[in-house]
PDB file of all heavy atoms in Angstrom:
ATOM      1  N   ARG A   1       0.830  -1.196  -0.008  1.00  0.00           N
ATOM      2  CA  ARG A   1      -0.001  -0.014   0.001  1.00  0.00           C
ATOM      3  C   ARG A   1       0.863   1.239  -0.003  1.00  0.00           C
ATOM      4  O   ARG A   1       0.576   2.223  -0.732  1.00  0.00           O
ATOM      5  CB  ARG A   1      -0.920  -0.014   1.210  1.00  0.00           C
ATOM      6  CG  ARG A   1      -1.934   1.139   1.241  1.00  0.00           C
ATOM      7  CD  ARG A   1      -3.025   0.957   2.255  1.00  0.00           C
ATOM      8  NE  ARG A   1      -2.505   0.798   3.603  1.00  0.00           N
ATOM      9  CZ  ARG A   1      -2.493  -0.336   4.305  1.00  0.00           C
ATOM     10  NH1 ARG A   1      -2.962  -1.453   3.754  1.00  0.00           N
ATOM     11  NH2 ARG A   1      -2.034  -0.367   5.528  1.00  0.00           N
ATOM     12  N   ARG A   2       1.937   1.229   0.784  1.00  0.00           N
ATOM     13  CA  ARG A   2       2.842   2.391   0.779  1.00  0.00           C
ATOM     14  C   ARG A   2       3.533   2.582  -0.550  1.00  0.00           C
ATOM     15  O   ARG A   2       3.765   3.724  -1.020  1.00  0.00           O
ATOM     16  CB  ARG A   2       3.857   2.202   1.914  1.00  0.00           C
ATOM     17  CG  ARG A   2       3.274   2.353   3.308  1.00  0.00           C
ATOM     18  CD  ARG A   2       4.277   2.002   4.397  1.00  0.00           C
ATOM     19  NE  ARG A   2       3.699   2.170   5.716  1.00  0.00           N
ATOM     20  CZ  ARG A   2       4.263   1.714   6.834  1.00  0.00           C
ATOM     21  NH1 ARG A   2       5.418   1.072   6.771  1.00  0.00           N
ATOM     22  NH2 ARG A   2       3.679   1.920   7.999  1.00  0.00           N
ATOM     23  N   ALA A   3       3.924   1.475  -1.203  1.00  0.00           N
ATOM     24  CA  ALA A   3       4.564   1.542  -2.496  1.00  0.00           C
ATOM     25  C   ALA A   3       3.601   2.148  -3.537  1.00  0.00           C
ATOM     26  O   ALA A   3       3.998   2.997  -4.349  1.00  0.00           O
ATOM     27  CB  ALA A   3       5.041   0.167  -2.943  1.00  0.00           C
ATOM     28  N   VAL A   4       2.342   1.737  -3.463  1.00  0.00           N
ATOM     29  CA  VAL A   4       1.341   2.287  -4.376  1.00  0.00           C
ATOM     30  C   VAL A   4       1.128   3.774  -4.088  1.00  0.00           C
ATOM     31  O   VAL A   4       1.045   4.577  -5.035  1.00  0.00           O
ATOM     32  CB  VAL A   4       0.012   1.510  -4.252  1.00  0.00           C
ATOM     33  CG1 VAL A   4      -1.103   2.284  -5.019  1.00  0.00           C
ATOM     34  CG2 VAL A   4       0.148   0.115  -4.807  1.00  0.00           C
ATOM     35  N   ASP A   5       1.115   4.136  -2.826  1.00  0.00           N
ATOM     36  CA  ASP A   5       0.997   5.547  -2.448  1.00  0.00           C
ATOM     37  C   ASP A   5       2.089   6.381  -3.132  1.00  0.00           C
ATOM     38  O   ASP A   5       1.839   7.455  -3.687  1.00  0.00           O
ATOM     39  CB  ASP A   5       1.118   5.730  -0.943  1.00  0.00           C
ATOM     40  CG  ASP A   5      -0.097   5.200  -0.177  1.00  0.00           C
ATOM     41  OD1 ASP A   5      -1.146   4.977  -0.802  1.00  0.00           O
ATOM     42  OD2 ASP A   5       0.036   5.021   1.059  1.00  0.00           O
ATOM     43  N   LYS A   6       3.339   5.854  -3.098  1.00  0.00           N
ATOM     44  CA  LYS A   6       4.435   6.562  -3.716  1.00  0.00           C
ATOM     45  C   LYS A   6       4.274   6.678  -5.233  1.00  0.00           C
ATOM     46  O   LYS A   6       4.545   7.710  -5.855  1.00  0.00           O
ATOM     47  CB  LYS A   6       5.752   5.882  -3.400  1.00  0.00           C
ATOM     48  CG  LYS A   6       6.208   5.989  -1.966  1.00  0.00           C
ATOM     49  CD  LYS A   6       7.527   5.282  -1.729  1.00  0.00           C
ATOM     50  CE  LYS A   6       7.965   5.375  -0.283  1.00  0.00           C
ATOM     51  NZ  LYS A   6       9.245   4.655  -0.050  1.00  0.00           N
ATOM     52  N   GLN A   7       3.801   5.597  -5.836  1.00  0.00           N
ATOM     53  CA  GLN A   7       3.699   5.615  -7.307  1.00  0.00           C
ATOM     54  C   GLN A   7       2.543   6.492  -7.747  1.00  0.00           C
ATOM     55  O   GLN A   7       2.587   7.083  -8.827  1.00  0.00           O
ATOM     56  CB  GLN A   7       3.570   4.172  -7.782  1.00  0.00           C
ATOM     57  CG  GLN A   7       4.887   3.421  -7.654  1.00  0.00           C
ATOM     58  CD  GLN A   7       4.809   1.937  -7.689  1.00  0.00           C
ATOM     59  OE1 GLN A   7       4.084   1.345  -8.478  1.00  0.00           O
ATOM     60  NE2 GLN A   7       5.563   1.271  -6.809  1.00  0.00           N
ATOM     61  N   VAL A   8       1.517   6.605  -6.908  1.00  0.00           N
ATOM     62  CA  VAL A   8       0.453   7.596  -7.181  1.00  0.00           C
ATOM     63  C   VAL A   8       1.039   9.000  -7.072  1.00  0.00           C
ATOM     64  O   VAL A   8       0.760   9.877  -7.873  1.00  0.00           O
ATOM     65  CB  VAL A   8      -0.758   7.364  -6.236  1.00  0.00           C
ATOM     66  CG1 VAL A   8      -1.755   8.521  -6.351  1.00  0.00           C
ATOM     67  CG2 VAL A   8      -1.449   6.039  -6.539  1.00  0.00           C
ATOM     68  N   ALA A   9       1.818   9.215  -5.994  1.00  0.00           N
ATOM     69  CA  ALA A   9       2.409  10.555  -5.759  1.00  0.00           C
ATOM     70  C   ALA A   9       3.357  10.939  -6.890  1.00  0.00           C
ATOM     71  O   ALA A   9       3.445  12.119  -7.258  1.00  0.00           O
ATOM     72  CB  ALA A   9       3.137  10.572  -4.439  1.00  0.00           C
ATOM     73  N   TYR A  10       4.047   9.961  -7.468  1.00  0.00           N
ATOM     74  CA  TYR A  10       4.950  10.232  -8.595  1.00  0.00           C
ATOM     75  C   TYR A  10       4.171  10.477  -9.902  1.00  0.00           C
ATOM     76  O   TYR A  10       4.763  10.852 -10.904  1.00  0.00           O
ATOM     77  CB  TYR A  10       5.866   9.023  -8.814  1.00  0.00           C
ATOM     78  CG  TYR A  10       7.161   9.061  -8.054  1.00  0.00           C
ATOM     79  CD1 TYR A  10       7.337   8.264  -6.907  1.00  0.00           C
ATOM     80  CD2 TYR A  10       8.229   9.857  -8.466  1.00  0.00           C
ATOM     81  CE1 TYR A  10       8.504   8.241  -6.184  1.00  0.00           C
ATOM     82  CE2 TYR A  10       9.419   9.855  -7.736  1.00  0.00           C
ATOM     83  CZ  TYR A  10       9.554   9.048  -6.611  1.00  0.00           C
ATOM     84  OH  TYR A  10      10.758   9.055  -5.900  1.00  0.00           O
ATOM     85  N   GLY A  11       2.875  10.269  -9.873  1.00  0.00           N
ATOM     86  CA  GLY A  11       2.058  10.500 -11.051  1.00  0.00           C
ATOM     87  C   GLY A  11       2.164   9.377 -12.069  1.00  0.00           C
ATOM     88  O   GLY A  11       1.872   9.562 -13.263  1.00  0.00           O
ATOM     89  N   MET A  12       2.486   8.147 -11.612  1.00  0.00           N
ATOM     90  CA  MET A  12       2.611   7.010 -12.494  1.00  0.00           C
ATOM     91  C   MET A  12       1.362   6.117 -12.462  1.00  0.00           C
ATOM     92  O   MET A  12       1.000   5.534 -13.479  1.00  0.00           O
ATOM     93  CB  MET A  12       3.859   6.180 -12.128  1.00  0.00           C
ATOM     94  CG  MET A  12       5.148   6.933 -12.203  1.00  0.00           C
ATOM     95  SD  MET A  12       5.643   7.294 -13.914  1.00  0.00           S
ATOM     96  CE  MET A  12       6.387   5.739 -14.364  1.00  0.00           C
ATOM     97  N   LEU A  13       0.787   6.002 -11.312  1.00  0.00           N
ATOM     98  CA  LEU A  13      -0.430   5.226 -11.109  1.00  0.00           C
ATOM     99  C   LEU A  13      -1.588   6.133 -10.698  1.00  0.00           C
ATOM    100  O   LEU A  13      -1.407   7.161 -10.048  1.00  0.00           O
ATOM    101  CB  LEU A  13      -0.241   4.145 -10.039  1.00  0.00           C
ATOM    102  CG  LEU A  13       0.528   2.904 -10.329  1.00  0.00           C
ATOM    103  CD1 LEU A  13       0.659   2.059  -9.081  1.00  0.00           C
ATOM    104  CD2 LEU A  13      -0.135   2.104 -11.429  1.00  0.00           C
ATOM    105  N   GLN A  14      -2.812   5.694 -11.042  1.00  0.00           N
ATOM    106  CA  GLN A  14      -4.030   6.312 -10.549  1.00  0.00           C
ATOM    107  C   GLN A  14      -4.781   5.257  -9.762  1.00  0.00           C
ATOM    108  O   GLN A  14      -4.824   4.092 -10.124  1.00  0.00           O
ATOM    109  CB  GLN A  14      -4.852   6.831 -11.718  1.00  0.00           C
ATOM    110  CG  GLN A  14      -4.192   7.941 -12.473  1.00  0.00           C
ATOM    111  CD  GLN A  14      -5.016   8.386 -13.684  1.00  0.00           C
ATOM    112  OE1 GLN A  14      -5.763   7.598 -14.258  1.00  0.00           O
ATOM    113  NE2 GLN A  14      -4.863   9.643 -14.053  1.00  0.00           N
ATOM    114  N   ARG A  15      -5.370   5.684  -8.650  1.00  0.00           N
ATOM    115  CA  ARG A  15      -6.089   4.721  -7.791  1.00  0.00           C
ATOM    116  C   ARG A  15      -7.462   5.283  -7.526  1.00  0.00           C
ATOM    117  O   ARG A  15      -7.629   6.433  -7.042  1.00  0.00           O
ATOM    118  CB  ARG A  15      -5.332   4.532  -6.502  1.00  0.00           C
ATOM    119  CG  ARG A  15      -6.028   3.560  -5.526  1.00  0.00           C
ATOM    120  CD  ARG A  15      -5.138   3.312  -4.312  1.00  0.00           C
ATOM    121  NE  ARG A  15      -4.624   4.549  -3.751  1.00  0.00           N
ATOM    122  CZ  ARG A  15      -3.567   4.596  -2.909  1.00  0.00           C
ATOM    123  NH1 ARG A  15      -2.947   3.521  -2.577  1.00  0.00           N
ATOM    124  NH2 ARG A  15      -3.165   5.770  -2.450  1.00  0.00           N
ATOM    125  N   SER A  16      -8.493   4.525  -7.820  1.00  0.00           N
ATOM    126  CA  SER A  16      -9.872   4.940  -7.562  1.00  0.00           C
ATOM    127  C   SER A  16     -10.249   4.669  -6.120  1.00  0.00           C
ATOM    128  O   SER A  16      -9.508   4.048  -5.351  1.00  0.00           O
ATOM    129  CB  SER A  16     -10.836   4.196  -8.515  1.00  0.00           C
ATOM    130  OG  SER A  16     -10.840   2.821  -8.244  1.00  0.00           O
ATOM    131  N   ALA A  17     -11.401   5.130  -5.727  1.00  0.00           N
ATOM    132  CA  ALA A  17     -11.835   5.009  -4.345  1.00  0.00           C
ATOM    133  C   ALA A  17     -11.942   3.582  -3.883  1.00  0.00           C
ATOM    134  O   ALA A  17     -11.764   3.268  -2.683  1.00  0.00           O
ATOM    135  CB  ALA A  17     -13.187   5.727  -4.167  1.00  0.00           C
ATOM    136  N   ASP A  18     -12.257   2.654  -4.799  1.00  0.00           N
ATOM    137  CA  ASP A  18     -12.380   1.247  -4.417  1.00  0.00           C
ATOM    138  C   ASP A  18     -11.061   0.493  -4.518  1.00  0.00           C
ATOM    139  O   ASP A  18     -11.025  -0.737  -4.346  1.00  0.00           O
ATOM    140  CB  ASP A  18     -13.466   0.538  -5.259  1.00  0.00           C
ATOM    141  CG  ASP A  18     -13.076   0.465  -6.734  1.00  0.00           C
ATOM    142  OD1 ASP A  18     -12.003   0.938  -7.134  1.00  0.00           O
ATOM    143  OD2 ASP A  18     -13.871  -0.107  -7.506  1.00  0.00           O
ATOM    144  N   GLY A  19      -9.957   1.200  -4.776  1.00  0.00           N
ATOM    145  CA  GLY A  19      -8.651   0.564  -4.821  1.00  0.00           C
ATOM    146  C   GLY A  19      -8.225   0.075  -6.183  1.00  0.00           C
ATOM    147  O   GLY A  19      -7.106  -0.446  -6.322  1.00  0.00           O
ATOM    148  N   THR A  20      -9.033   0.285  -7.201  1.00  0.00           N
ATOM    149  CA  THR A  20      -8.672  -0.133  -8.561  1.00  0.00           C
ATOM    150  C   THR A  20      -7.507   0.723  -9.073  1.00  0.00           C
ATOM    151  O   THR A  20      -7.549   1.942  -8.930  1.00  0.00           O
ATOM    152  CB  THR A  20      -9.884  -0.031  -9.492  1.00  0.00           C
ATOM    153  OG1 THR A  20     -10.883  -0.949  -9.071  1.00  0.00           O
ATOM    154  CG2 THR A  20      -9.505  -0.369 -10.944  1.00  0.00           C
ATOM    155  N   LEU A  21      -6.539   0.073  -9.705  1.00  0.00           N
ATOM    156  CA  LEU A  21      -5.348   0.757 -10.204  1.00  0.00           C
ATOM    157  C   LEU A  21      -5.397   0.868 -11.724  1.00  0.00           C
ATOM    158  O   LEU A  21      -5.821  -0.028 -12.407  1.00  0.00           O
ATOM    159  CB  LEU A  21      -4.088   0.039  -9.798  1.00  0.00           C
ATOM    160  CG  LEU A  21      -3.819  -0.127  -8.283  1.00  0.00           C
ATOM    161  CD1 LEU A  21      -2.573  -0.954  -8.070  1.00  0.00           C
ATOM    162  CD2 LEU A  21      -3.702   1.237  -7.635  1.00  0.00           C
ATOM    163  N   SER A  22      -4.927   2.002 -12.217  1.00  0.00           N
ATOM    164  CA  SER A  22      -4.740   2.171 -13.640  1.00  0.00           C
ATOM    165  C   SER A  22      -3.520   3.048 -13.857  1.00  0.00           C
ATOM    166  O   SER A  22      -3.006   3.682 -12.921  1.00  0.00           O
ATOM    167  CB  SER A  22      -5.982   2.854 -14.275  1.00  0.00           C
ATOM    168  OG  SER A  22      -6.243   4.120 -13.680  1.00  0.00           O
ATOM    169  N   ALA A  23      -3.004   3.051 -15.096  1.00  0.00           N
ATOM    170  CA  ALA A  23      -1.843   3.869 -15.391  1.00  0.00           C
ATOM    171  C   ALA A  23      -2.251   5.296 -15.702  1.00  0.00           C
ATOM    172  O   ALA A  23      -3.251   5.534 -16.371  1.00  0.00           O
ATOM    173  CB  ALA A  23      -1.093   3.263 -16.584  1.00  0.00           C
ATOM    174  N   SER A  24      -1.476   6.240 -15.192  1.00  0.00           N
ATOM    175  CA  SER A  24      -1.665   7.638 -15.580  1.00  0.00           C
ATOM    176  C   SER A  24      -1.134   7.827 -16.997  1.00  0.00           C
ATOM    177  O   SER A  24      -0.565   6.906 -17.599  1.00  0.00           O
ATOM    178  CB  SER A  24      -0.897   8.541 -14.616  1.00  0.00           C
ATOM    179  OG  SER A  24       0.485   8.305 -14.800  1.00  0.00           O
TER     180      SER A  24
END
């Protein structure tokens, strides 16, 4: 979860409210 947080912060991943991941 922390790794995903970082990748969202880097603008590489997008995460929806239900936890679904997609590429930015």
